Amino acid sequence: MAPVTYTARVAVTGEGRNGGTARSEDGLLEHTLAIPKELGGAGGATNPEQLLAAGWAACFLGALRRAAATRHIRLTSTAITAEITLTHGDDGEFSLSAT
């Protein structure tokens, strides 16, 4: 097993995705959360799916840039768009998918 390089720790308090707050241990990330209007919520604040998509896209772009650099490939205006989809099955279970 590889040694741990970094661990991010974020606590969500209050009502979670319905008006709660996500705060990183170092205080650099602090966001109020809201259920999106598309799910019947008030919207007006970020939601966990957006945060997951942002993190995934940023990590993927970082990996892409590192791979390009090791191959001496110069990247210019590179962008990654991540989609996180929340589904609610007939069995009542929720799941996430990523593209």
N, C-alpha and C. Protein backbone atom coordinates (compact mmCIF):
# COMPACT_ATOMS: atom_id res chain seq x y z
N MET A 1 0.84 -1.18 0.00
CA MET A 1 0.00 0.00 0.00
C MET A 1 0.89 1.24 0.00
N ALA A 2 0.53 2.21 -0.80
CA ALA A 2 1.30 3.45 -0.92
C ALA A 2 1.13 4.31 0.33
N PRO A 3 2.16 5.08 0.69
CA PRO A 3 2.03 5.97 1.85
C PRO A 3 1.05 7.11 1.55
N VAL A 4 0.38 7.56 2.57
CA VAL A 4 -0.58 8.66 2.43
C VAL A 4 0.18 9.94 2.14
N THR A 5 -0.24 10.66 1.12
CA THR A 5 0.36 11.93 0.75
C THR A 5 -0.39 13.10 1.36
N TYR A 6 -1.72 13.01 1.38
CA TYR A 6 -2.54 14.11 1.86
C TYR A 6 -3.94 13.59 2.14
N THR A 7 -4.56 14.09 3.18
CA THR A 7 -5.95 13.78 3.48
C THR A 7 -6.69 15.08 3.72
N ALA A 8 -7.76 15.30 2.98
CA ALA A 8 -8.62 16.47 3.20
C ALA A 8 -9.73 16.05 4.16
N ARG A 9 -10.05 16.92 5.09
CA ARG A 9 -11.11 16.62 6.04
C ARG A 9 -12.11 17.77 6.01
N VAL A 10 -13.36 17.44 5.71
CA VAL A 10 -14.43 18.43 5.65
C VAL A 10 -15.57 17.94 6.53
N ALA A 11 -16.05 18.79 7.41
CA ALA A 11 -17.19 18.47 8.27
C ALA A 11 -18.42 19.21 7.75
N VAL A 12 -19.54 18.52 7.74
CA VAL A 12 -20.81 19.13 7.38
C VAL A 12 -21.66 19.16 8.64
N THR A 13 -22.16 20.34 8.97
CA THR A 13 -22.95 20.53 10.19
C THR A 13 -24.32 21.06 9.85
N GLY A 14 -25.14 21.18 10.87
CA GLY A 14 -26.49 21.72 10.69
C GLY A 14 -27.39 20.72 10.02
N GLU A 15 -28.11 21.16 9.04
CA GLU A 15 -29.09 20.33 8.35
C GLU A 15 -28.51 19.64 7.12
N GLY A 16 -27.19 19.49 7.07
CA GLY A 16 -26.57 18.80 5.94
C GLY A 16 -26.82 19.54 4.64
N ARG A 17 -27.31 18.81 3.64
CA ARG A 17 -27.52 19.41 2.32
C ARG A 17 -28.69 20.39 2.29
N ASN A 18 -29.41 20.54 3.37
CA ASN A 18 -30.57 21.42 3.41
C ASN A 18 -30.31 22.59 4.37
N GLY A 19 -29.31 23.42 4.02
CA GLY A 19 -29.03 24.59 4.83
C GLY A 19 -27.87 24.41 5.79
N GLY A 20 -27.22 23.27 5.74
CA GLY A 20 -26.05 23.04 6.58
C GLY A 20 -24.83 23.75 6.02
N THR A 21 -23.71 23.57 6.69
CA THR A 21 -22.46 24.18 6.26
C THR A 21 -21.40 23.11 6.10
N ALA A 22 -20.67 23.18 4.98
CA ALA A 22 -19.50 22.33 4.76
C ALA A 22 -18.28 23.19 5.04
N ARG A 23 -17.42 22.70 5.94
CA ARG A 23 -16.25 23.49 6.33
C ARG A 23 -15.04 22.57 6.40
N SER A 24 -13.97 22.97 5.68
CA SER A 24 -12.74 22.18 5.73
C SER A 24 -12.01 22.43 7.03
N GLU A 25 -11.20 21.45 7.43
CA GLU A 25 -10.47 21.54 8.69
C GLU A 25 -9.57 22.76 8.75
N ASP A 26 -8.99 23.16 7.60
CA ASP A 26 -8.10 24.32 7.58
C ASP A 26 -8.85 25.64 7.40
N GLY A 27 -10.17 25.58 7.23
CA GLY A 27 -10.98 26.79 7.12
C GLY A 27 -10.99 27.43 5.74
N LEU A 28 -10.27 26.85 4.77
CA LEU A 28 -10.21 27.46 3.44
C LEU A 28 -11.48 27.21 2.63
N LEU A 29 -12.19 26.16 2.96
CA LEU A 29 -13.46 25.86 2.28
C LEU A 29 -14.57 26.03 3.30
N GLU A 30 -15.52 26.88 3.00
CA GLU A 30 -16.69 27.04 3.85
C GLU A 30 -17.86 27.44 2.97
N HIS A 31 -18.82 26.54 2.86
CA HIS A 31 -19.97 26.79 1.99
C HIS A 31 -21.26 26.37 2.68
N THR A 32 -22.26 27.20 2.53
CA THR A 32 -23.60 26.81 2.92
C THR A 32 -24.13 25.88 1.83
N LEU A 33 -24.85 24.86 2.23
CA LEU A 33 -25.40 23.89 1.30
C LEU A 33 -26.90 24.08 1.15
N ALA A 34 -27.39 23.74 -0.02
CA ALA A 34 -28.84 23.82 -0.27
C ALA A 34 -29.26 22.72 -1.22
N ILE A 35 -30.46 22.27 -1.04
CA ILE A 35 -31.04 21.32 -1.99
C ILE A 35 -31.36 22.10 -3.25
N PRO A 36 -30.94 21.59 -4.43
CA PRO A 36 -31.22 22.32 -5.67
C PRO A 36 -32.72 22.43 -5.95
N LYS A 37 -33.08 23.47 -6.66
CA LYS A 37 -34.48 23.65 -7.04
C LYS A 37 -35.02 22.45 -7.81
N GLU A 38 -34.12 21.81 -8.60
CA GLU A 38 -34.54 20.66 -9.40
C GLU A 38 -34.98 19.48 -8.52
N LEU A 39 -34.58 19.50 -7.26
CA LEU A 39 -34.98 18.44 -6.32
C LEU A 39 -36.02 18.95 -5.34
N GLY A 40 -36.60 20.11 -5.62
CA GLY A 40 -37.64 20.65 -4.76
C GLY A 40 -37.14 21.54 -3.64
N GLY A 41 -35.85 21.85 -3.64
CA GLY A 41 -35.28 22.70 -2.61
C GLY A 41 -35.32 24.16 -2.99
N ALA A 42 -34.75 24.97 -2.12
CA ALA A 42 -34.74 26.42 -2.35
C ALA A 42 -33.64 26.83 -3.32
N GLY A 43 -32.60 26.01 -3.47
CA GLY A 43 -31.47 26.44 -4.30
C GLY A 43 -30.76 27.59 -3.63
N GLY A 44 -30.02 28.35 -4.41
CA GLY A 44 -29.36 29.54 -3.89
C GLY A 44 -28.04 29.30 -3.18
N ALA A 45 -27.61 28.06 -3.08
CA ALA A 45 -26.31 27.73 -2.48
C ALA A 45 -25.81 26.48 -3.18
N THR A 46 -24.55 26.16 -2.97
CA THR A 46 -23.99 24.97 -3.61
C THR A 46 -24.58 23.71 -2.99
N ASN A 47 -24.38 22.59 -3.67
CA ASN A 47 -24.86 21.32 -3.15
C ASN A 47 -23.73 20.29 -3.23
N PRO A 48 -23.86 19.18 -2.54
CA PRO A 48 -22.77 18.19 -2.52
C PRO A 48 -22.38 17.67 -3.89
N GLU A 49 -23.33 17.54 -4.80
CA GLU A 49 -23.00 17.05 -6.14
C GLU A 49 -22.10 18.03 -6.88
N GLN A 50 -22.34 19.32 -6.72
CA GLN A 50 -21.48 20.34 -7.33
C GLN A 50 -20.07 20.28 -6.75
N LEU A 51 -19.97 20.12 -5.44
CA LEU A 51 -18.66 20.06 -4.80
C LEU A 51 -17.89 18.82 -5.25
N LEU A 52 -18.59 17.69 -5.36
CA LEU A 52 -17.94 16.47 -5.84
C LEU A 52 -17.48 16.63 -7.28
N ALA A 53 -18.32 17.24 -8.14
CA ALA A 53 -17.94 17.47 -9.54
C ALA A 53 -16.73 18.39 -9.64
N ALA A 54 -16.70 19.44 -8.82
CA ALA A 54 -15.57 20.37 -8.84
C ALA A 54 -14.28 19.66 -8.43
N GLY A 55 -14.34 18.89 -7.37
CA GLY A 55 -13.16 18.17 -6.91
C GLY A 55 -12.69 17.13 -7.92
N TRP A 56 -13.63 16.39 -8.48
CA TRP A 56 -13.28 15.36 -9.46
C TRP A 56 -12.62 15.99 -10.69
N ALA A 57 -13.23 17.06 -11.21
CA ALA A 57 -12.69 17.71 -12.40
C ALA A 57 -11.30 18.29 -12.12
N ALA A 58 -11.11 18.90 -10.96
CA ALA A 58 -9.81 19.48 -10.62
C ALA A 58 -8.74 18.40 -10.50
N CYS A 59 -9.07 17.28 -9.85
CA CYS A 59 -8.11 16.18 -9.72
C CYS A 59 -7.79 15.57 -11.08
N PHE A 60 -8.81 15.39 -11.91
CA PHE A 60 -8.58 14.80 -13.23
C PHE A 60 -7.70 15.72 -14.09
N LEU A 61 -7.98 17.01 -14.03
CA LEU A 61 -7.17 17.97 -14.79
C LEU A 61 -5.73 17.96 -14.28
N GLY A 62 -5.54 17.88 -12.99
CA GLY A 62 -4.20 17.80 -12.44
C GLY A 62 -3.46 16.56 -12.92
N ALA A 63 -4.15 15.42 -12.95
CA ALA A 63 -3.54 14.18 -13.43
C ALA A 63 -3.22 14.28 -14.92
N LEU A 64 -4.10 14.89 -15.69
CA LEU A 64 -3.88 15.06 -17.12
C LEU A 64 -2.66 15.95 -17.37
N ARG A 65 -2.56 17.03 -16.64
CA ARG A 65 -1.42 17.95 -16.80
C ARG A 65 -0.11 17.28 -16.40
N ARG A 66 -0.14 16.49 -15.35
CA ARG A 66 1.07 15.77 -14.93
C ARG A 66 1.49 14.75 -15.99
N ALA A 67 0.53 14.00 -16.51
CA ALA A 67 0.83 13.02 -17.55
C ALA A 67 1.40 13.70 -18.79
N ALA A 68 0.82 14.83 -19.16
CA ALA A 68 1.31 15.57 -20.33
C ALA A 68 2.73 16.07 -20.09
N ALA A 69 2.98 16.59 -18.91
CA ALA A 69 4.32 17.12 -18.60
C ALA A 69 5.38 16.03 -18.65
N THR A 70 5.06 14.84 -18.15
CA THR A 70 6.06 13.76 -18.17
C THR A 70 6.33 13.29 -19.59
N ARG A 71 5.41 13.58 -20.50
CA ARG A 71 5.59 13.21 -21.91
C ARG A 71 6.03 14.40 -22.76
N HIS A 72 6.34 15.51 -22.07
CA HIS A 72 6.78 16.74 -22.75
C HIS A 72 5.74 17.24 -23.76
N ILE A 73 4.48 17.13 -23.37
CA ILE A 73 3.39 17.65 -24.19
C ILE A 73 2.92 18.94 -23.54
N ARG A 74 2.88 20.01 -24.33
CA ARG A 74 2.45 21.31 -23.82
C ARG A 74 0.94 21.43 -23.98
N LEU A 75 0.26 21.61 -22.88
CA LEU A 75 -1.19 21.82 -22.91
C LEU A 75 -1.46 23.31 -22.85
N THR A 76 -2.44 23.75 -23.61
CA THR A 76 -2.85 25.15 -23.52
C THR A 76 -4.21 25.18 -22.83
N SER A 77 -5.14 25.88 -23.28
CA SER A 77 -6.41 26.07 -22.57
C SER A 77 -7.16 24.74 -22.41
N THR A 78 -6.79 24.01 -21.40
CA THR A 78 -7.39 22.71 -21.12
C THR A 78 -8.48 22.88 -20.08
N ALA A 79 -9.60 22.23 -20.27
CA ALA A 79 -10.70 22.29 -19.31
C ALA A 79 -11.31 20.90 -19.17
N ILE A 80 -11.74 20.58 -17.98
CA ILE A 80 -12.42 19.33 -17.71
C ILE A 80 -13.79 19.68 -17.16
N THR A 81 -14.82 19.06 -17.68
CA THR A 81 -16.16 19.22 -17.15
C THR A 81 -16.60 17.89 -16.57
N ALA A 82 -16.94 17.88 -15.31
CA ALA A 82 -17.41 16.67 -14.65
C ALA A 82 -18.91 16.81 -14.37
N GLU A 83 -19.61 15.73 -14.55
CA GLU A 83 -21.04 15.68 -14.24
C GLU A 83 -21.27 14.63 -13.16
N ILE A 84 -21.90 15.02 -12.09
CA ILE A 84 -22.30 14.10 -11.04
C ILE A 84 -23.82 14.05 -11.06
N THR A 85 -24.34 12.86 -11.23
CA THR A 85 -25.79 12.68 -11.34
C THR A 85 -26.31 11.90 -10.15
N LEU A 86 -27.32 12.42 -9.50
CA LEU A 86 -28.00 11.76 -8.40
C LEU A 86 -29.24 11.09 -8.96
N THR A 87 -29.37 9.81 -8.72
CA THR A 87 -30.56 9.09 -9.18
C THR A 87 -31.27 8.48 -7.97
N HIS A 88 -32.56 8.33 -8.11
CA HIS A 88 -33.41 7.77 -7.06
C HIS A 88 -34.17 6.61 -7.67
N GLY A 89 -33.77 5.41 -7.30
CA GLY A 89 -34.34 4.22 -7.91
C GLY A 89 -35.74 3.89 -7.40
N ASP A 90 -36.39 3.00 -8.11
CA ASP A 90 -37.73 2.55 -7.71
C ASP A 90 -37.72 1.87 -6.34
N ASP A 91 -36.55 1.36 -5.94
CA ASP A 91 -36.41 0.70 -4.64
C ASP A 91 -36.22 1.70 -3.51
N GLY A 92 -36.21 3.02 -3.82
CA GLY A 92 -36.05 4.06 -2.82
C GLY A 92 -34.61 4.42 -2.52
N GLU A 93 -33.67 3.72 -3.12
CA GLU A 93 -32.26 3.97 -2.90
C GLU A 93 -31.74 5.08 -3.80
N PHE A 94 -30.81 5.87 -3.29
CA PHE A 94 -30.14 6.90 -4.06
C PHE A 94 -28.79 6.37 -4.53
N SER A 95 -28.34 6.85 -5.67
CA SER A 95 -26.99 6.52 -6.12
C SER A 95 -26.43 7.71 -6.90
N LEU A 96 -25.12 7.70 -7.03
CA LEU A 96 -24.40 8.74 -7.76
C LEU A 96 -23.69 8.10 -8.93
N SER A 97 -23.64 8.84 -10.03
CA SER A 97 -22.83 8.42 -11.16
C SER A 97 -22.03 9.63 -11.62
N ALA A 98 -20.91 9.35 -12.25
CA ALA A 98 -20.02 10.44 -12.67
C ALA A 98 -19.65 10.26 -14.14
N THR A 99 -19.58 11.37 -14.85
CA THR A 99 -19.12 11.40 -16.24
C THR A 99 -18.08 12.49 -16.36
